[in-house]
Structure formats: structure tokens, C-alpha cells
């Protein structure tokens, strides 16, 4: 997807310059520079999400997640994906609390619960937050049997990759505008080169047949075809504790 959007951006940029729409082209460059969609790259979107966690910027974290929800997540009707998104959003906020605590920022932990307590108590996953309201009052929550798994690197790695994979799945499921569909489907690709390669392969086959090479030796000479889309591993968060 990212290569497709870059290619289409270039086409649009080239067209605008050709038409003399320099101000529009400059506006496009500015929009791309501050692109919240991160060129439709799941890894970059995930990195951007966690940048707010590492900055202890709760407001921007919530704002960006809400942007992603309105921009992409709510367009997905698949119930399994929606449930996974809700689960991973919960994990994201819990990791925010854990990271703030580990970084020696108890004020950020207190701020989190002060600002989000009403929302958490009314969220679909409210039951999973019951124990967490005692977090800020525990002396060593990392030794608590309930909270200990959330301090484990394995939990974080599983959560991080699950989030990135699910975002990738969502991006692949979002309906594309016509221009991106054309690029994805190869409308802008040159078919002449592919046809030329096909003709060369057919010619080689004929030459080999003429000199009576056994057909078994030709098994590795495959016809040049369109590349089929690679399958993508979807998020597997079945082992992730919420």
C-alpha cells in the first residue's frame, strides 16, 4: 500500500506542476509533510502512536487514536476486528500507565486516572479496569501477582506486534479511491514489457522442444505471470492478556 500511495502522490505532484498549479503543489507538499496517515504504513502509524506514550502526552495519544478510529477503524464491519481493536486500545492505555510508572512519573499515572476514570468506568471493557484503580496506590505494583504480567517484555512485544498487524489488516480492508485502485491493479504499469518477456519465454520453449530436450527438463521454465498479492498475517492477540 505504501509504495502505491507514494507513486500516486508523485503522479499528482507531476500533474499539478505540468498544469502550473504551483500553489496547490506546495499545499500538497505541506500536507504530505504532516501526513497523519503515515503513507498508509502500519509500522509508521504504530510508531507514531507509541511516540505519544513515550512523551507521556495523554491528550495527543487519545486524539490520534480517535483520528484513526474515525479515519479507518469505524469503516470495518468485521466484528472480530472491532473486538480486537477494543482489546488493543485497552492494552495501549494500560501500557501507558505501566510505562509512566517505570519511568518514574507517578504524576502522569495520577493524571491518567484523574482524566480517564469516567470513560474507563463506562467503557465496554470496564470490568478489565477494576483492579487498575488501585495501581497508583501500590508501592511495588510490578511484584503484584495481577500486574506482574504487564511488566513482562513478552507481553509488550506481543501487544506491539498485534497492534501493528491489526492496523495493517485494517488498512488493507479500507475501500480505496479509484486512483489508488488503478495503481494497485497495475493500470499504470507498462504491459508491453510483460508481453515481450512472455514472447521470449515462448520462443525459448519452442527452441528447446526443437532440439528434443525431455519435457521433464522444462518443468522449471515457468510462464511469466502477474504477481499474486502476498497473504498478510492478521493480528493474533489470542494470547494477549487485557
Protein backbone atom coordinates (compact mmCIF):
# COMPACT_ATOMS: atom_id res chain seq x y z
CA UNK A 1 0.00 0.00 0.00
CA UNK A 2 2.74 2.47 0.93
CA UNK A 3 4.51 2.11 -2.43
CA UNK A 4 1.20 2.67 -4.18
CA UNK A 5 0.43 5.88 -2.31
CA UNK A 6 3.96 7.21 -2.91
CA UNK A 7 3.57 6.50 -6.62
CA UNK A 8 0.18 8.20 -6.82
CA UNK A 9 1.49 11.18 -4.85
CA UNK A 10 4.23 11.53 -7.45
CA UNK A 11 1.71 11.35 -10.27
CA UNK A 12 -0.41 14.05 -8.69
CA UNK A 13 2.63 16.21 -7.99
CA UNK A 14 3.82 15.85 -11.59
CA UNK A 15 0.35 16.67 -12.94
CA UNK A 16 0.00 19.78 -10.77
CA UNK A 17 3.39 21.09 -11.89
CA UNK A 18 2.57 20.34 -15.53
CA UNK A 19 -0.67 22.29 -15.21
CA UNK A 20 1.08 25.16 -13.49
CA UNK A 21 -0.80 24.72 -10.23
CA UNK A 22 2.27 25.59 -8.16
CA UNK A 23 0.38 26.83 -5.08
CA UNK A 24 -1.68 23.66 -5.00
CA UNK A 25 1.51 21.61 -5.38
CA UNK A 26 3.06 23.49 -2.44
CA UNK A 27 -0.03 22.80 -0.34
CA UNK A 28 0.24 19.12 -1.26
CA UNK A 29 3.86 19.05 -0.10
CA UNK A 30 2.85 20.58 3.23
CA UNK A 31 0.01 18.10 3.70
CA UNK A 32 2.33 15.19 2.94
CA UNK A 33 4.91 16.51 5.41
CA UNK A 34 2.37 16.34 8.24
CA UNK A 35 0.58 13.24 6.97
CA UNK A 36 -1.25 11.62 9.90
CA UNK A 37 -1.85 8.51 7.82
CA UNK A 38 1.94 7.98 7.62
CA UNK A 39 1.70 6.99 3.96
CA UNK A 40 -0.68 4.16 4.92
CA UNK A 41 2.17 2.26 6.60
CA UNK A 42 1.10 0.25 9.62
CA UNK A 43 4.60 0.26 11.13
CA UNK A 44 4.87 4.06 10.96
CA UNK A 45 1.37 4.55 12.37
CA UNK A 46 2.23 2.23 15.26
CA UNK A 47 5.48 4.10 15.90
CA UNK A 48 3.57 7.38 15.93
CA UNK A 49 1.07 6.03 18.45
CA UNK A 50 3.84 4.99 20.82
CA UNK A 51 5.69 8.27 20.39
CA UNK A 52 2.93 9.88 22.46
CA UNK A 53 3.25 7.16 25.09
CA UNK A 54 6.97 7.82 25.42
CA UNK A 55 6.30 11.57 25.67
CA UNK A 56 3.62 10.99 28.36
CA UNK A 57 1.28 13.01 26.12
CA UNK A 58 -2.07 11.50 27.04
CA UNK A 59 -4.10 14.16 25.25
CA UNK A 60 -2.32 13.67 21.92
CA UNK A 61 -2.43 9.89 22.32
CA UNK A 62 -6.21 9.91 22.72
CA UNK A 63 -6.60 12.45 19.93
CA UNK A 64 -4.57 10.38 17.47
CA UNK A 65 -6.37 7.15 18.36
CA UNK A 66 -9.71 8.91 17.85
CA UNK A 67 -8.44 10.18 14.49
CA UNK A 68 -7.54 6.63 13.42
CA UNK A 69 -10.93 5.41 14.59
CA UNK A 70 -12.83 7.99 12.54
CA UNK A 71 -10.48 7.70 9.57
CA UNK A 72 -10.16 3.91 9.35
CA UNK A 73 -11.34 1.74 12.23
CA UNK A 74 -15.05 2.54 12.14
CA UNK A 75 -15.22 1.62 8.46
CA UNK A 76 -14.58 -2.01 9.32
CA UNK A 77 -17.76 -4.01 9.88
CA UNK A 78 -15.99 -7.23 10.85
CA UNK A 79 -16.95 -7.94 14.46
CA UNK A 80 -13.77 -9.87 15.24
CA UNK A 81 -11.59 -6.97 14.09
CA UNK A 82 -13.67 -4.47 16.05
CA UNK A 83 -13.37 -6.55 19.22
CA UNK A 84 -9.62 -6.86 18.71
CA UNK A 85 -9.32 -3.09 18.26
CA UNK A 86 -11.18 -2.51 21.51
CA UNK A 87 -8.96 -5.01 23.30
CA UNK A 88 -5.77 -3.45 21.94
CA UNK A 89 -6.93 0.07 22.79
CA UNK A 90 -7.33 -1.11 26.38
CA UNK A 91 -3.83 -2.62 26.30
CA UNK A 92 -2.47 0.65 24.92
CA UNK A 93 -3.75 2.68 27.86
CA UNK A 94 -2.58 0.09 30.35
CA UNK A 95 0.87 0.18 28.84
CA UNK A 96 0.79 3.98 29.12
CA UNK A 97 0.28 3.60 32.89
CA UNK A 98 2.99 0.95 33.21
CA UNK A 99 5.50 2.96 31.17
CA UNK A 100 4.84 6.13 33.16
CA UNK A 101 5.38 4.22 36.41
CA UNK A 102 8.57 2.56 35.15
CA UNK A 103 9.89 5.95 34.03
CA UNK A 104 9.43 7.45 37.49
CA UNK A 105 6.45 9.60 36.52
CA UNK A 106 3.86 8.97 39.25
CA UNK A 107 2.25 12.33 38.42
CA UNK A 108 1.45 11.00 34.93
CA UNK A 109 -0.12 7.88 36.42
CA UNK A 110 -2.31 10.04 38.68
CA UNK A 111 -3.16 12.32 35.75
CA UNK A 112 -4.22 9.30 33.69
CA UNK A 113 -6.77 8.09 36.21
CA UNK A 114 -7.97 11.60 37.05
CA UNK A 115 -8.74 12.32 33.40
CA UNK A 116 -9.90 8.94 32.17
CA UNK A 117 -11.66 7.38 35.16
CA UNK A 118 -15.20 8.30 33.99
CA UNK A 119 -14.52 6.98 30.46
CA UNK A 120 -12.92 3.78 31.74
CA UNK A 121 -15.83 3.05 34.06
CA UNK A 122 -18.25 3.40 31.15
CA UNK A 123 -16.20 1.61 28.51
CA UNK A 124 -17.15 -1.80 27.06
CA UNK A 125 -14.05 -3.20 28.81
CA UNK A 126 -14.82 -1.57 32.16
CA UNK A 127 -14.52 -4.88 34.02
CA UNK A 128 -10.88 -5.19 32.99
CA UNK A 129 -10.11 -1.86 34.69
CA UNK A 130 -11.42 -2.65 38.17
CA UNK A 131 -8.05 -3.76 39.54
CA UNK A 132 -6.23 -0.88 37.89
CA UNK A 133 -7.72 1.84 40.03
CA UNK A 134 -5.54 0.57 42.89
CA UNK A 135 -2.37 0.73 40.76
CA UNK A 136 -1.30 4.22 41.81
CA UNK A 137 -1.61 3.33 45.49
CA UNK A 138 0.58 0.22 45.38
CA UNK A 139 4.18 0.56 46.49
CA UNK A 140 5.55 -2.04 44.08
CA UNK A 141 2.87 -2.95 41.52
CA UNK A 142 5.41 -4.90 39.47
CA UNK A 143 5.53 -7.51 42.23
CA UNK A 144 1.75 -7.78 42.47
CA UNK A 145 0.51 -11.08 41.04
CA UNK A 146 -2.16 -9.32 38.98
CA UNK A 147 0.02 -6.57 37.50
CA UNK A 148 3.26 -8.53 37.09
CA UNK A 149 2.44 -9.85 33.56
CA UNK A 150 2.03 -6.28 32.28
CA UNK A 151 5.65 -5.54 33.19
CA UNK A 152 6.86 -8.52 31.16
CA UNK A 153 8.63 -7.74 27.88
CA UNK A 154 6.91 -10.69 26.24
CA UNK A 155 3.54 -9.10 26.97
CA UNK A 156 4.66 -5.80 25.47
CA UNK A 157 6.17 -7.40 22.35
CA UNK A 158 3.02 -9.44 21.77
CA UNK A 159 0.87 -6.37 22.23
CA UNK A 160 3.00 -4.19 19.96
CA UNK A 161 3.08 -6.66 17.07
CA UNK A 162 -0.62 -7.48 17.46
CA UNK A 163 -1.46 -3.79 17.19
CA UNK A 164 0.76 -3.26 14.17
CA UNK A 165 -0.59 -6.34 12.38
CA UNK A 166 -4.18 -5.39 13.08
CA UNK A 167 -3.65 -1.85 11.80
CA UNK A 168 -2.14 -3.38 8.67
CA UNK A 169 -5.21 -5.59 8.26
CA UNK A 170 -7.50 -2.60 8.68
CA UNK A 171 -5.59 -0.55 6.10
CA UNK A 172 -5.82 -3.43 3.63
CA UNK A 173 -9.57 -3.63 4.21
CA UNK A 174 -10.39 0.06 3.73
CA UNK A 175 -12.07 0.84 0.36
CA UNK A 176 -9.63 2.70 -1.87
CA UNK A 177 -10.32 5.71 -4.09
CA UNK A 178 -10.31 4.99 -7.82
CA UNK A 179 -6.85 6.41 -8.42
CA UNK A 180 -5.26 4.14 -5.83
CA UNK A 181 -7.20 1.15 -7.19
CA UNK A 182 -5.83 1.78 -10.66
CA UNK A 183 -2.28 1.96 -9.37
CA UNK A 184 -2.70 -1.12 -7.18
CA UNK A 185 -4.18 -3.12 -10.04
CA UNK A 186 -1.37 -2.16 -12.39
CA UNK A 187 -3.31 0.16 -14.68
CA UNK A 188 -0.30 2.49 -14.80
CA UNK A 189 2.17 -0.32 -15.42
CA UNK A 190 3.51 -0.97 -18.87
CA UNK A 191 2.12 -4.21 -20.29
CA UNK A 192 4.44 -4.09 -23.31
CA UNK A 193 7.44 -5.31 -21.31
CA UNK A 194 5.45 -8.18 -19.83
CA UNK A 195 4.20 -9.24 -23.26
CA UNK A 196 7.75 -9.05 -24.61
CA UNK A 197 9.03 -11.28 -21.81
CA UNK A 198 6.21 -13.74 -22.44
CA UNK A 199 7.09 -13.93 -26.12
CA UNK A 200 10.75 -14.56 -25.28
CA UNK A 201 9.80 -17.40 -22.95
CA UNK A 202 7.59 -18.95 -25.61
CA UNK A 203 10.40 -18.68 -28.14
CA UNK A 204 12.83 -20.41 -25.79
CA UNK A 205 10.32 -23.19 -25.22
CA UNK A 206 10.00 -23.74 -28.94
CA UNK A 207 13.78 -23.84 -29.39
CA UNK A 208 14.20 -26.36 -26.61
CA UNK A 209 11.44 -28.54 -27.99
CA UNK A 210 13.10 -28.49 -31.42
CA UNK A 211 16.28 -30.00 -30.03
CA UNK A 212 14.29 -32.74 -28.28
CA UNK A 213 15.05 -31.93 -24.68
CA UNK A 214 12.89 -34.15 -22.43
CA UNK A 215 9.78 -32.37 -21.22
CA UNK A 216 10.75 -33.07 -17.61
CA UNK A 217 13.67 -30.68 -18.02
CA UNK A 218 11.29 -27.90 -18.86
CA UNK A 219 9.39 -28.05 -15.62
CA UNK A 220 11.35 -25.17 -14.15
CA UNK A 221 10.68 -22.84 -17.06
CA UNK A 222 7.58 -21.06 -15.83
CA UNK A 223 5.37 -18.66 -17.68
CA UNK A 224 5.76 -15.02 -16.65
CA UNK A 225 2.58 -14.09 -14.85
CA UNK A 226 1.20 -11.26 -12.81
CA UNK A 227 2.45 -11.33 -9.22
CA UNK A 228 -0.29 -12.52 -6.89
CA UNK A 229 -0.85 -10.43 -3.73
CA UNK A 230 1.07 -11.76 -0.77
CA UNK A 231 -1.03 -13.02 2.08
CA UNK A 232 -0.71 -10.95 5.24
CA UNK A 233 -0.67 -12.34 8.75
CA UNK A 234 -3.54 -10.85 10.65
CA UNK A 235 -3.34 -9.85 14.27
CA UNK A 236 -3.23 -12.79 16.64
CA UNK A 237 -3.95 -11.38 20.06
CA UNK A 238 -5.47 -14.55 21.49
CA UNK A 239 -2.51 -14.90 23.87
CA UNK A 240 -2.53 -11.25 24.91
CA UNK A 241 -3.80 -10.50 28.40
CA UNK A 242 -6.03 -7.44 28.72
